[in-house]
């Protein structure tokens, strides 16, 4: 028995006016910060803890300390992670407000 050929969906090629919204820039910055598996793991680790010292993060990941520090720098620049100097150590935590904003922006897509 022959099957009917599948119909291809037609693309809607009508031009759409997308508003120039500064929130798109925020979403792009946050999405870029999360665009590496190591940074996703760092964020998940920080979400599960109140705070972490860089050495504790390094112990959880199969990465060199300098690599983890570079990823933390990118996450800090995006605003998703905050770092506080505690003597010779830097204590990192998730910025829950920025994380909530990222979730909201993704939900609005």
N, C-alpha and C. Protein backbone atom coordinates (compact mmCIF):
# COMPACT_ATOMS: atom_id res chain seq x y z
N UNK A 1 0.84 -1.17 0.00
CA UNK A 1 0.00 0.00 0.00
C UNK A 1 0.89 1.24 0.00
N UNK A 2 0.64 2.14 -0.88
CA UNK A 2 1.45 3.36 -1.01
C UNK A 2 1.00 4.39 0.01
N UNK A 3 1.98 5.12 0.53
CA UNK A 3 1.64 6.18 1.48
C UNK A 3 1.60 7.51 0.73
N UNK A 4 0.75 8.36 1.21
CA UNK A 4 0.61 9.69 0.59
C UNK A 4 1.87 10.50 0.86
N UNK A 5 2.32 11.29 -0.12
CA UNK A 5 3.50 12.13 0.11
C UNK A 5 3.23 13.15 1.21
N UNK A 6 4.26 13.40 2.01
CA UNK A 6 4.14 14.39 3.08
C UNK A 6 4.11 15.79 2.49
N UNK A 7 3.27 16.61 3.05
CA UNK A 7 3.21 18.01 2.62
C UNK A 7 4.20 18.82 3.41
N UNK A 8 4.93 19.62 2.70
CA UNK A 8 5.86 20.51 3.38
C UNK A 8 5.10 21.73 3.87
N UNK A 9 5.44 22.16 5.06
CA UNK A 9 4.84 23.38 5.59
C UNK A 9 5.41 24.57 4.87
N UNK A 10 4.57 25.47 4.53
CA UNK A 10 5.02 26.68 3.85
C UNK A 10 5.51 27.68 4.89
N UNK A 11 6.63 28.29 4.59
CA UNK A 11 7.16 29.33 5.48
C UNK A 11 6.39 30.62 5.26
N UNK A 12 6.14 31.30 6.34
CA UNK A 12 5.49 32.61 6.27
C UNK A 12 6.59 33.63 6.03
N UNK A 13 6.64 34.16 4.83
CA UNK A 13 7.72 35.09 4.48
C UNK A 13 7.32 36.55 4.58
N UNK A 14 6.19 36.80 5.22
CA UNK A 14 5.78 38.19 5.40
C UNK A 14 6.75 38.90 6.33
N UNK A 15 7.11 40.14 6.01
CA UNK A 15 8.01 40.87 6.91
C UNK A 15 7.32 41.15 8.24
N UNK A 16 8.11 41.02 9.29
CA UNK A 16 7.60 41.25 10.64
C UNK A 16 8.42 42.36 11.26
N UNK A 17 7.76 43.30 11.87
CA UNK A 17 8.44 44.40 12.56
C UNK A 17 8.71 43.94 13.99
N UNK A 18 9.99 43.74 14.29
CA UNK A 18 10.39 43.36 15.65
C UNK A 18 10.81 44.64 16.37
N UNK A 19 10.19 44.91 17.50
CA UNK A 19 10.53 46.15 18.20
C UNK A 19 11.98 46.16 18.67
N UNK A 20 12.57 47.33 18.68
CA UNK A 20 13.93 47.49 19.18
C UNK A 20 13.83 47.60 20.70
N UNK A 21 14.10 46.49 21.35
CA UNK A 21 13.91 46.39 22.79
C UNK A 21 15.26 46.11 23.44
N UNK A 22 15.64 46.93 24.39
CA UNK A 22 16.92 46.74 25.09
C UNK A 22 16.98 45.40 25.79
N UNK A 23 15.83 44.81 26.09
CA UNK A 23 15.82 43.51 26.75
C UNK A 23 16.38 42.41 25.85
N UNK A 24 16.33 42.61 24.53
CA UNK A 24 16.94 41.64 23.61
C UNK A 24 18.44 41.62 23.83
N UNK A 25 19.01 42.79 24.08
CA UNK A 25 20.45 42.87 24.34
C UNK A 25 20.81 42.13 25.63
N UNK A 26 19.96 42.29 26.64
CA UNK A 26 20.20 41.60 27.92
C UNK A 26 20.12 40.09 27.70
N UNK A 27 19.10 39.64 26.98
CA UNK A 27 18.96 38.22 26.71
C UNK A 27 20.17 37.69 25.94
N UNK A 28 20.62 38.42 24.95
CA UNK A 28 21.78 37.98 24.16
C UNK A 28 23.02 37.87 25.04
N UNK A 29 23.23 38.84 25.93
CA UNK A 29 24.39 38.81 26.82
C UNK A 29 24.33 37.62 27.77
N UNK A 30 23.15 37.40 28.34
CA UNK A 30 23.00 36.29 29.28
C UNK A 30 23.08 34.94 28.56
N UNK A 31 22.50 34.84 27.39
CA UNK A 31 22.55 33.59 26.63
C UNK A 31 23.99 33.27 26.23
N UNK A 32 24.74 34.30 25.84
CA UNK A 32 26.15 34.08 25.48
C UNK A 32 26.93 33.58 26.70
N UNK A 33 26.63 34.14 27.87
CA UNK A 33 27.33 33.72 29.09
C UNK A 33 27.03 32.25 29.41
N UNK A 34 25.86 31.78 29.04
CA UNK A 34 25.47 30.40 29.32
C UNK A 34 25.80 29.46 28.16
N UNK A 35 26.47 29.95 27.15
CA UNK A 35 26.67 29.17 25.91
C UNK A 35 27.88 28.24 25.96
N UNK A 36 28.31 27.87 27.14
CA UNK A 36 29.42 26.92 27.25
C UNK A 36 29.05 25.91 28.34
N UNK A 37 29.25 24.63 28.08
CA UNK A 37 28.87 23.62 29.07
C UNK A 37 29.51 23.82 30.44
N UNK A 38 30.74 24.29 30.49
CA UNK A 38 31.39 24.51 31.79
C UNK A 38 30.68 25.62 32.56
N UNK A 39 30.25 26.66 31.86
CA UNK A 39 29.55 27.75 32.55
C UNK A 39 28.17 27.30 33.02
N UNK A 40 27.52 26.45 32.25
CA UNK A 40 26.23 25.89 32.70
C UNK A 40 26.46 25.08 33.98
N UNK A 41 27.50 24.29 34.01
CA UNK A 41 27.80 23.49 35.21
C UNK A 41 28.11 24.38 36.40
N UNK A 42 28.86 25.45 36.18
CA UNK A 42 29.19 26.38 37.27
C UNK A 42 27.91 27.02 37.81
N UNK A 43 27.04 27.46 36.93
CA UNK A 43 25.77 28.07 37.36
C UNK A 43 24.94 27.07 38.14
N UNK A 44 24.83 25.85 37.65
CA UNK A 44 24.07 24.82 38.37
C UNK A 44 24.67 24.56 39.75
N UNK A 45 25.99 24.53 39.84
CA UNK A 45 26.66 24.33 41.12
C UNK A 45 26.34 25.48 42.08
N UNK A 46 26.44 26.71 41.57
CA UNK A 46 26.18 27.86 42.43
C UNK A 46 24.71 27.96 42.84
N UNK A 47 23.81 27.52 41.98
CA UNK A 47 22.39 27.51 42.34
C UNK A 47 22.16 26.57 43.52
N UNK A 48 22.88 25.46 43.54
CA UNK A 48 22.68 24.46 44.58
C UNK A 48 23.34 24.82 45.91
N UNK A 49 24.16 25.86 45.91
CA UNK A 49 24.86 26.27 47.14
C UNK A 49 24.61 27.73 47.43
N UNK A 50 24.82 28.08 48.66
CA UNK A 50 24.69 29.49 49.06
C UNK A 50 25.83 30.31 48.46
N UNK A 51 27.03 29.78 48.50
CA UNK A 51 28.22 30.46 47.95
C UNK A 51 29.32 29.41 47.77
N UNK A 52 30.30 29.75 46.95
CA UNK A 52 31.40 28.84 46.66
C UNK A 52 32.69 29.63 46.49
N UNK A 53 33.77 29.10 46.99
CA UNK A 53 35.09 29.64 46.74
C UNK A 53 35.59 29.00 45.45
N UNK A 54 36.36 29.73 44.68
CA UNK A 54 36.83 29.24 43.38
C UNK A 54 37.43 27.83 43.47
N UNK A 55 38.22 27.56 44.51
CA UNK A 55 38.83 26.24 44.66
C UNK A 55 37.80 25.13 44.78
N UNK A 56 36.66 25.42 45.41
CA UNK A 56 35.60 24.42 45.54
C UNK A 56 34.97 24.14 44.18
N UNK A 57 34.85 25.17 43.37
CA UNK A 57 34.30 25.01 42.02
C UNK A 57 35.27 24.18 41.18
N UNK A 58 36.56 24.49 41.28
CA UNK A 58 37.58 23.74 40.54
C UNK A 58 37.54 22.27 40.92
N UNK A 59 37.33 21.98 42.19
CA UNK A 59 37.29 20.59 42.65
C UNK A 59 36.12 19.82 42.05
N UNK A 60 35.07 20.52 41.64
CA UNK A 60 33.87 19.88 41.09
C UNK A 60 33.94 19.69 39.57
N UNK A 61 34.88 20.36 38.92
CA UNK A 61 34.95 20.34 37.45
C UNK A 61 36.28 19.75 36.98
N UNK A 62 36.26 19.10 35.84
CA UNK A 62 37.51 18.56 35.30
C UNK A 62 38.29 19.61 34.50
N UNK A 63 38.47 20.78 35.10
CA UNK A 63 39.11 21.90 34.41
C UNK A 63 40.20 22.50 35.29
N UNK A 64 41.16 23.13 34.65
CA UNK A 64 42.22 23.83 35.39
C UNK A 64 41.65 25.05 36.09
N UNK A 65 42.31 25.47 37.16
CA UNK A 65 41.87 26.63 37.93
C UNK A 65 41.79 27.87 37.04
N UNK A 66 42.76 28.05 36.15
CA UNK A 66 42.75 29.23 35.29
C UNK A 66 41.56 29.22 34.33
N UNK A 67 41.17 28.03 33.87
CA UNK A 67 40.01 27.91 32.98
C UNK A 67 38.73 28.24 33.73
N UNK A 68 38.60 27.71 34.93
CA UNK A 68 37.42 28.01 35.75
C UNK A 68 37.36 29.50 36.04
N UNK A 69 38.48 30.11 36.36
CA UNK A 69 38.52 31.55 36.62
C UNK A 69 38.05 32.35 35.41
N UNK A 70 38.45 31.93 34.22
CA UNK A 70 38.03 32.62 33.00
C UNK A 70 36.52 32.50 32.81
N UNK A 71 35.97 31.31 33.04
CA UNK A 71 34.52 31.12 32.93
C UNK A 71 33.78 31.96 33.98
N UNK A 72 34.32 32.00 35.20
CA UNK A 72 33.71 32.82 36.25
C UNK A 72 33.73 34.30 35.87
N UNK A 73 34.81 34.74 35.24
CA UNK A 73 34.91 36.13 34.80
C UNK A 73 33.79 36.46 33.81
N UNK A 74 33.54 35.57 32.87
CA UNK A 74 32.48 35.78 31.87
C UNK A 74 31.12 35.81 32.55
N UNK A 75 30.89 34.89 33.48
CA UNK A 75 29.62 34.86 34.21
C UNK A 75 29.43 36.11 35.06
N UNK A 76 30.51 36.60 35.66
CA UNK A 76 30.42 37.84 36.45
C UNK A 76 30.10 39.03 35.56
N UNK A 77 30.76 39.11 34.40
CA UNK A 77 30.51 40.22 33.48
C UNK A 77 29.06 40.24 33.00
N UNK A 78 28.45 39.08 32.89
CA UNK A 78 27.05 39.01 32.45
C UNK A 78 26.10 39.41 33.57
N UNK A 79 26.56 39.34 34.80
CA UNK A 79 25.71 39.65 35.95
C UNK A 79 25.07 38.43 36.58
N UNK A 80 25.24 37.24 35.98
CA UNK A 80 24.64 36.04 36.55
C UNK A 80 25.32 35.58 37.84
N UNK A 81 26.59 35.92 37.97
CA UNK A 81 27.37 35.50 39.14
C UNK A 81 27.96 36.74 39.79
N UNK A 82 28.00 36.71 41.11
CA UNK A 82 28.62 37.79 41.87
C UNK A 82 29.80 37.19 42.63
N UNK A 83 30.83 38.00 42.81
CA UNK A 83 31.99 37.55 43.55
C UNK A 83 32.35 38.55 44.63
N UNK A 84 32.67 38.03 45.80
CA UNK A 84 33.03 38.88 46.93
C UNK A 84 34.38 38.43 47.45
N UNK A 85 35.28 39.37 47.61
CA UNK A 85 36.62 39.05 48.11
C UNK A 85 36.53 38.79 49.60
N UNK A 86 37.05 37.64 50.01
CA UNK A 86 37.05 37.23 51.41
C UNK A 86 38.49 36.87 51.76
N UNK A 87 39.27 37.87 52.12
CA UNK A 87 40.69 37.66 52.38
C UNK A 87 41.39 37.32 51.08
N UNK A 88 42.15 36.23 51.05
CA UNK A 88 42.85 35.87 49.82
C UNK A 88 41.97 35.11 48.82
N UNK A 89 40.74 34.83 49.21
CA UNK A 89 39.84 34.04 48.37
C UNK A 89 38.72 34.92 47.80
N UNK A 90 38.14 34.47 46.70
CA UNK A 90 36.95 35.11 46.17
C UNK A 90 35.81 34.12 46.32
N UNK A 91 34.75 34.58 46.95
CA UNK A 91 33.58 33.76 47.20
C UNK A 91 32.52 34.12 46.15
N UNK A 92 32.06 33.13 45.38
CA UNK A 92 31.11 33.37 44.30
C UNK A 92 29.72 32.89 44.68
N UNK A 93 28.71 33.59 44.19
CA UNK A 93 27.33 33.17 44.38
C UNK A 93 26.52 33.55 43.14
N UNK A 94 25.38 32.89 42.99
CA UNK A 94 24.50 33.18 41.86
C UNK A 94 23.73 34.46 42.17
N UNK A 95 23.55 35.29 41.17
CA UNK A 95 22.71 36.48 41.30
C UNK A 95 21.29 36.04 40.96
N UNK A 96 20.50 35.77 41.97
CA UNK A 96 19.16 35.19 41.77
C UNK A 96 18.24 36.12 41.00
N UNK A 97 18.40 37.42 41.15
CA UNK A 97 17.57 38.36 40.39
C UNK A 97 17.87 38.26 38.90
N UNK A 98 19.16 38.17 38.55
CA UNK A 98 19.54 38.08 37.14
C UNK A 98 19.13 36.72 36.58
N UNK A 99 19.23 35.68 37.39
CA UNK A 99 18.79 34.35 36.94
C UNK A 99 17.29 34.37 36.65
N UNK A 100 16.52 35.02 37.51
CA UNK A 100 15.06 35.13 37.29
C UNK A 100 14.78 35.91 36.01
N UNK A 101 15.57 36.95 35.76
CA UNK A 101 15.38 37.74 34.54
C UNK A 101 15.69 36.89 33.30
N UNK A 102 16.75 36.10 33.37
CA UNK A 102 17.08 35.21 32.24
C UNK A 102 15.92 34.25 31.98
N UNK A 103 15.38 33.66 33.03
CA UNK A 103 14.26 32.73 32.87
C UNK A 103 13.05 33.44 32.25
N UNK A 104 12.78 34.65 32.68
CA UNK A 104 11.65 35.41 32.16
C UNK A 104 11.85 35.75 30.69
N UNK A 105 13.04 36.19 30.33
CA UNK A 105 13.33 36.54 28.95
C UNK A 105 13.22 35.35 28.02
N UNK A 106 13.67 34.20 28.48
CA UNK A 106 13.55 32.98 27.67
C UNK A 106 12.08 32.58 27.53
N UNK A 107 11.32 32.71 28.61
CA UNK A 107 9.90 32.36 28.56
C UNK A 107 9.14 33.26 27.58
N UNK A 108 9.59 34.48 27.40
CA UNK A 108 8.92 35.43 26.51
C UNK A 108 9.24 35.22 25.03
N UNK A 109 10.20 34.35 24.73
CA UNK A 109 10.57 34.14 23.33
C UNK A 109 9.43 33.65 22.48
